[in-house]
Structure formats: C-alpha cells, structure tokens
Amino acid sequence: MEACRSREGHGEPARTQRRRTMESTRTTDSAAAARRARFGSLPERIRYEDMVEETPVAGRDRAADTYSADRSLISYSCLALDLGL
C-alpha cells in the first residue's frame, strides 16, 4: 500500500499524480497555443532614431537677457502692491 503512495506523502497514488501532471502539461500546451494564435508574434522594434526628434535651437538674444530696471518692475512686482496694501 505504501508503494502506491506518492513520494510527497499527500496520500494520492502515484498514477493519479502522474495523470494530473500530464493533464496540466496538456493544459499548459493548449494555453500556449491559444496565446500564439491570439497574439501571434511581437510587434516590430521601433528604432531609436524614429523615437527621437531633434530640432535646432535658436541663438540667444543678448539684448533680451540684459538687465532692465523697467522690465524688472513688471516681472518682479511687490507682493504688497499685488494685495493692494
């Protein structure tokens, strides 16, 4: 009686365990076949050059970058003036 038991000691005969293993293998194979039928193959790879777009940068305008007292009042106004205090 002990010779028919599985090695793991779950109380199942070795034949039943083998049958379950074969069924799970068939299920796995059929699932893999279904995946292949549904999804086929992977999509083509996209090259790095196709994903990146390079645009030239316009040169800096030095006149716009210089300090101007009048422009600084527009850009950096006082919080007290904004609140009306």
N, C-alpha and C. Protein backbone atom coordinates (compact mmCIF):
# COMPACT_ATOMS: atom_id res chain seq x y z
N MET A 1 0.83 -1.19 0.00
CA MET A 1 0.00 0.00 0.00
C MET A 1 0.87 1.25 0.00
N GLU A 2 1.94 1.23 0.75
CA GLU A 2 2.83 2.39 0.81
C GLU A 2 3.57 2.61 -0.50
N ALA A 3 3.78 1.56 -1.29
CA ALA A 3 4.49 1.69 -2.56
C ALA A 3 3.67 2.48 -3.57
N CYS A 4 2.34 2.45 -3.44
CA CYS A 4 1.48 3.18 -4.37
C CYS A 4 1.35 4.65 -4.01
N ARG A 5 1.75 4.99 -2.82
CA ARG A 5 1.62 6.38 -2.39
C ARG A 5 2.68 7.24 -3.07
N SER A 6 2.37 8.49 -3.22
CA SER A 6 3.33 9.39 -3.85
C SER A 6 4.46 9.68 -2.87
N ARG A 7 5.55 10.13 -3.39
CA ARG A 7 6.73 10.42 -2.56
C ARG A 7 6.48 11.60 -1.63
N GLU A 8 5.61 12.51 -2.04
CA GLU A 8 5.39 13.70 -1.23
C GLU A 8 4.53 13.39 -0.01
N GLY A 9 3.85 12.26 -0.02
CA GLY A 9 3.08 11.86 1.14
C GLY A 9 1.73 12.52 1.24
N HIS A 10 1.16 12.92 0.14
CA HIS A 10 -0.16 13.55 0.16
C HIS A 10 -1.28 12.52 0.20
N GLY A 11 -0.96 11.28 0.10
CA GLY A 11 -1.97 10.26 0.15
C GLY A 11 -2.56 9.91 -1.19
N GLU A 12 -2.09 10.47 -2.28
CA GLU A 12 -2.59 10.14 -3.62
C GLU A 12 -1.71 9.06 -4.22
N PRO A 13 -2.32 8.13 -4.93
CA PRO A 13 -1.50 7.14 -5.63
C PRO A 13 -0.64 7.82 -6.69
N ALA A 14 0.48 7.21 -7.01
CA ALA A 14 1.42 7.80 -7.96
C ALA A 14 0.79 7.93 -9.35
N ARG A 15 -0.09 6.98 -9.73
CA ARG A 15 -0.73 7.05 -11.05
C ARG A 15 -1.61 8.29 -11.17
N THR A 16 -2.36 8.60 -10.14
CA THR A 16 -3.23 9.78 -10.17
C THR A 16 -2.41 11.04 -10.29
N GLN A 17 -1.30 11.08 -9.56
CA GLN A 17 -0.44 12.26 -9.62
C GLN A 17 0.15 12.41 -11.02
N ARG A 18 0.58 11.30 -11.64
CA ARG A 18 1.12 11.36 -12.99
C ARG A 18 0.05 11.84 -13.98
N ARG A 19 -1.17 11.35 -13.82
CA ARG A 19 -2.26 11.74 -14.70
C ARG A 19 -2.51 13.25 -14.57
N ARG A 20 -2.50 13.76 -13.35
CA ARG A 20 -2.70 15.20 -13.16
C ARG A 20 -1.57 16.00 -13.78
N THR A 21 -0.36 15.50 -13.69
CA THR A 21 0.78 16.19 -14.29
C THR A 21 0.64 16.23 -15.80
N MET A 22 0.21 15.11 -16.40
CA MET A 22 0.02 15.08 -17.85
C MET A 22 -1.10 16.02 -18.27
N GLU A 23 -2.19 16.08 -17.49
CA GLU A 23 -3.29 16.98 -17.81
C GLU A 23 -2.86 18.43 -17.71
N SER A 24 -2.07 18.74 -16.68
CA SER A 24 -1.61 20.13 -16.54
C SER A 24 -0.64 20.49 -17.66
N THR A 25 0.14 19.52 -18.14
CA THR A 25 1.03 19.77 -19.26
C THR A 25 0.22 20.04 -20.52
N ARG A 26 -0.85 19.26 -20.73
CA ARG A 26 -1.71 19.49 -21.89
C ARG A 26 -2.40 20.85 -21.79
N THR A 27 -2.83 21.20 -20.59
CA THR A 27 -3.47 22.50 -20.39
C THR A 27 -2.50 23.62 -20.67
N THR A 28 -1.27 23.47 -20.20
CA THR A 28 -0.24 24.48 -20.45
C THR A 28 0.05 24.59 -21.93
N ASP A 29 0.16 23.46 -22.61
CA ASP A 29 0.42 23.48 -24.06
C ASP A 29 -0.73 24.12 -24.82
N SER A 30 -1.97 23.81 -24.43
CA SER A 30 -3.11 24.41 -25.13
C SER A 30 -3.20 25.90 -24.83
N ALA A 31 -2.84 26.31 -23.63
CA ALA A 31 -2.84 27.74 -23.30
C ALA A 31 -1.78 28.47 -24.11
N ALA A 32 -0.62 27.85 -24.26
CA ALA A 32 0.44 28.46 -25.06
C ALA A 32 0.03 28.56 -26.52
N ALA A 33 -0.63 27.54 -27.03
CA ALA A 33 -1.10 27.57 -28.42
C ALA A 33 -2.17 28.65 -28.60
N ALA A 34 -3.04 28.81 -27.63
CA ALA A 34 -4.08 29.85 -27.71
C ALA A 34 -3.45 31.24 -27.69
N ARG A 35 -2.41 31.43 -26.86
CA ARG A 35 -1.71 32.72 -26.82
C ARG A 35 -1.06 33.02 -28.15
N ARG A 36 -0.39 32.02 -28.72
CA ARG A 36 0.26 32.22 -30.02
C ARG A 36 -0.76 32.54 -31.10
N ALA A 37 -1.92 31.87 -31.06
CA ALA A 37 -2.95 32.12 -32.07
C ALA A 37 -3.55 33.52 -31.90
N ARG A 38 -3.69 33.95 -30.66
CA ARG A 38 -4.32 35.25 -30.43
C ARG A 38 -3.37 36.41 -30.68
N PHE A 39 -2.16 36.31 -30.14
CA PHE A 39 -1.23 37.42 -30.22
C PHE A 39 -0.20 37.28 -31.33
N GLY A 40 -0.01 36.10 -31.83
CA GLY A 40 0.96 35.89 -32.92
C GLY A 40 2.37 36.15 -32.45
N SER A 41 3.00 37.14 -33.05
CA SER A 41 4.38 37.45 -32.69
C SER A 41 4.45 38.86 -32.11
N LEU A 42 5.58 39.18 -31.58
CA LEU A 42 5.79 40.52 -31.03
C LEU A 42 5.81 41.55 -32.15
N PRO A 43 5.41 42.78 -31.85
CA PRO A 43 5.47 43.82 -32.89
C PRO A 43 6.92 44.14 -33.23
N GLU A 44 7.12 44.75 -34.38
CA GLU A 44 8.47 45.11 -34.78
C GLU A 44 9.04 46.14 -33.83
N ARG A 45 10.35 46.08 -33.65
CA ARG A 45 11.01 47.05 -32.78
C ARG A 45 11.03 48.41 -33.44
N ILE A 46 10.91 49.44 -32.62
CA ILE A 46 10.99 50.81 -33.11
C ILE A 46 12.41 51.28 -32.89
N ARG A 47 13.02 51.77 -33.95
CA ARG A 47 14.41 52.23 -33.83
C ARG A 47 14.47 53.49 -32.99
N TYR A 48 15.59 53.70 -32.34
CA TYR A 48 15.79 54.88 -31.50
C TYR A 48 15.67 56.16 -32.33
N GLU A 49 16.19 56.13 -33.53
CA GLU A 49 16.15 57.31 -34.40
C GLU A 49 14.71 57.70 -34.72
N ASP A 50 13.81 56.72 -34.77
CA ASP A 50 12.41 57.01 -35.06
C ASP A 50 11.67 57.57 -33.85
N MET A 51 12.21 57.35 -32.65
CA MET A 51 11.54 57.83 -31.44
C MET A 51 12.00 59.22 -31.03
N VAL A 52 13.13 59.67 -31.52
CA VAL A 52 13.72 60.94 -31.09
C VAL A 52 13.61 61.95 -32.20
N GLU A 53 13.22 63.16 -31.84
CA GLU A 53 13.15 64.24 -32.81
C GLU A 53 14.12 65.33 -32.37
N GLU A 54 15.00 65.69 -33.24
CA GLU A 54 15.97 66.74 -32.93
C GLU A 54 15.56 68.02 -33.65
N THR A 55 15.53 69.11 -32.91
CA THR A 55 15.22 70.41 -33.50
C THR A 55 16.34 71.38 -33.16
N PRO A 56 16.73 72.20 -34.10
CA PRO A 56 17.79 73.17 -33.82
C PRO A 56 17.28 74.24 -32.85
N VAL A 57 18.19 74.72 -32.03
CA VAL A 57 17.86 75.75 -31.04
C VAL A 57 18.25 77.10 -31.61
N ALA A 58 17.36 78.06 -31.45
CA ALA A 58 17.67 79.42 -31.92
C ALA A 58 18.74 80.03 -31.02
N GLY A 59 19.55 80.89 -31.59
CA GLY A 59 20.60 81.54 -30.81
C GLY A 59 20.02 82.45 -29.74
N ARG A 60 20.81 82.73 -28.72
CA ARG A 60 20.35 83.59 -27.63
C ARG A 60 20.32 85.05 -28.06
N ASP A 61 19.34 85.75 -27.58
CA ASP A 61 19.22 87.19 -27.84
C ASP A 61 19.83 87.91 -26.65
N ARG A 62 21.05 88.43 -26.83
CA ARG A 62 21.77 89.08 -25.73
C ARG A 62 21.05 90.34 -25.26
N ALA A 63 20.38 91.04 -26.15
CA ALA A 63 19.68 92.26 -25.76
C ALA A 63 18.52 91.95 -24.81
N ALA A 64 17.85 90.85 -25.01
CA ALA A 64 16.74 90.48 -24.15
C ALA A 64 17.22 89.97 -22.80
N ASP A 65 18.46 89.46 -22.74
CA ASP A 65 18.99 88.91 -21.50
C ASP A 65 19.61 89.97 -20.58
N THR A 66 19.82 91.18 -21.07
CA THR A 66 20.45 92.21 -20.23
C THR A 66 19.46 92.73 -19.21
N TYR A 67 19.98 93.28 -18.14
CA TYR A 67 19.14 93.80 -17.06
C TYR A 67 18.50 95.11 -17.47
N SER A 68 17.22 95.22 -17.18
CA SER A 68 16.49 96.45 -17.43
C SER A 68 15.65 96.75 -16.19
N ALA A 69 15.85 97.91 -15.60
CA ALA A 69 15.13 98.26 -14.38
C ALA A 69 13.63 98.32 -14.62
N ASP A 70 13.22 98.83 -15.76
CA ASP A 70 11.79 98.93 -16.06
C ASP A 70 11.15 97.55 -16.20
N ARG A 71 11.86 96.64 -16.88
CA ARG A 71 11.32 95.29 -17.06
C ARG A 71 11.29 94.52 -15.75
N SER A 72 12.24 94.79 -14.86
CA SER A 72 12.26 94.06 -13.60
C SER A 72 11.06 94.43 -12.74
N LEU A 73 10.55 95.67 -12.88
CA LEU A 73 9.35 96.04 -12.13
C LEU A 73 8.13 95.27 -12.63
N ILE A 74 8.10 94.97 -13.91
CA ILE A 74 6.98 94.21 -14.48
C ILE A 74 7.08 92.75 -14.04
N SER A 75 8.27 92.21 -14.13
CA SER A 75 8.45 90.79 -13.85
C SER A 75 8.39 90.48 -12.37
N TYR A 76 9.02 91.29 -11.56
CA TYR A 76 9.12 91.02 -10.13
C TYR A 76 8.39 92.11 -9.36
N SER A 77 7.08 92.07 -9.36
CA SER A 77 6.31 93.08 -8.65
C SER A 77 6.30 92.76 -7.16
N CYS A 78 5.97 93.75 -6.39
CA CYS A 78 5.96 93.62 -4.94
C CYS A 78 4.65 92.95 -4.52
N LEU A 79 4.73 92.04 -3.58
CA LEU A 79 3.55 91.34 -3.11
C LEU A 79 2.58 92.31 -2.44
N ALA A 80 3.12 93.29 -1.72
CA ALA A 80 2.25 94.27 -1.06
C ALA A 80 1.43 95.05 -2.08
N LEU A 81 2.04 95.39 -3.21
CA LEU A 81 1.30 96.09 -4.26
C LEU A 81 0.24 95.19 -4.89
N ASP A 82 0.57 93.92 -5.06
CA ASP A 82 -0.39 92.98 -5.63
C ASP A 82 -1.62 92.82 -4.73
N LEU A 83 -1.40 92.86 -3.42
CA LEU A 83 -2.50 92.69 -2.48
C LEU A 83 -3.25 93.99 -2.23
N GLY A 84 -2.72 95.11 -2.72
CA GLY A 84 -3.37 96.40 -2.53
C GLY A 84 -3.13 97.00 -1.17
N LEU A 85 -2.03 96.68 -0.55
CA LEU A 85 -1.71 97.21 0.78
C LEU A 85 -0.97 98.51 0.71
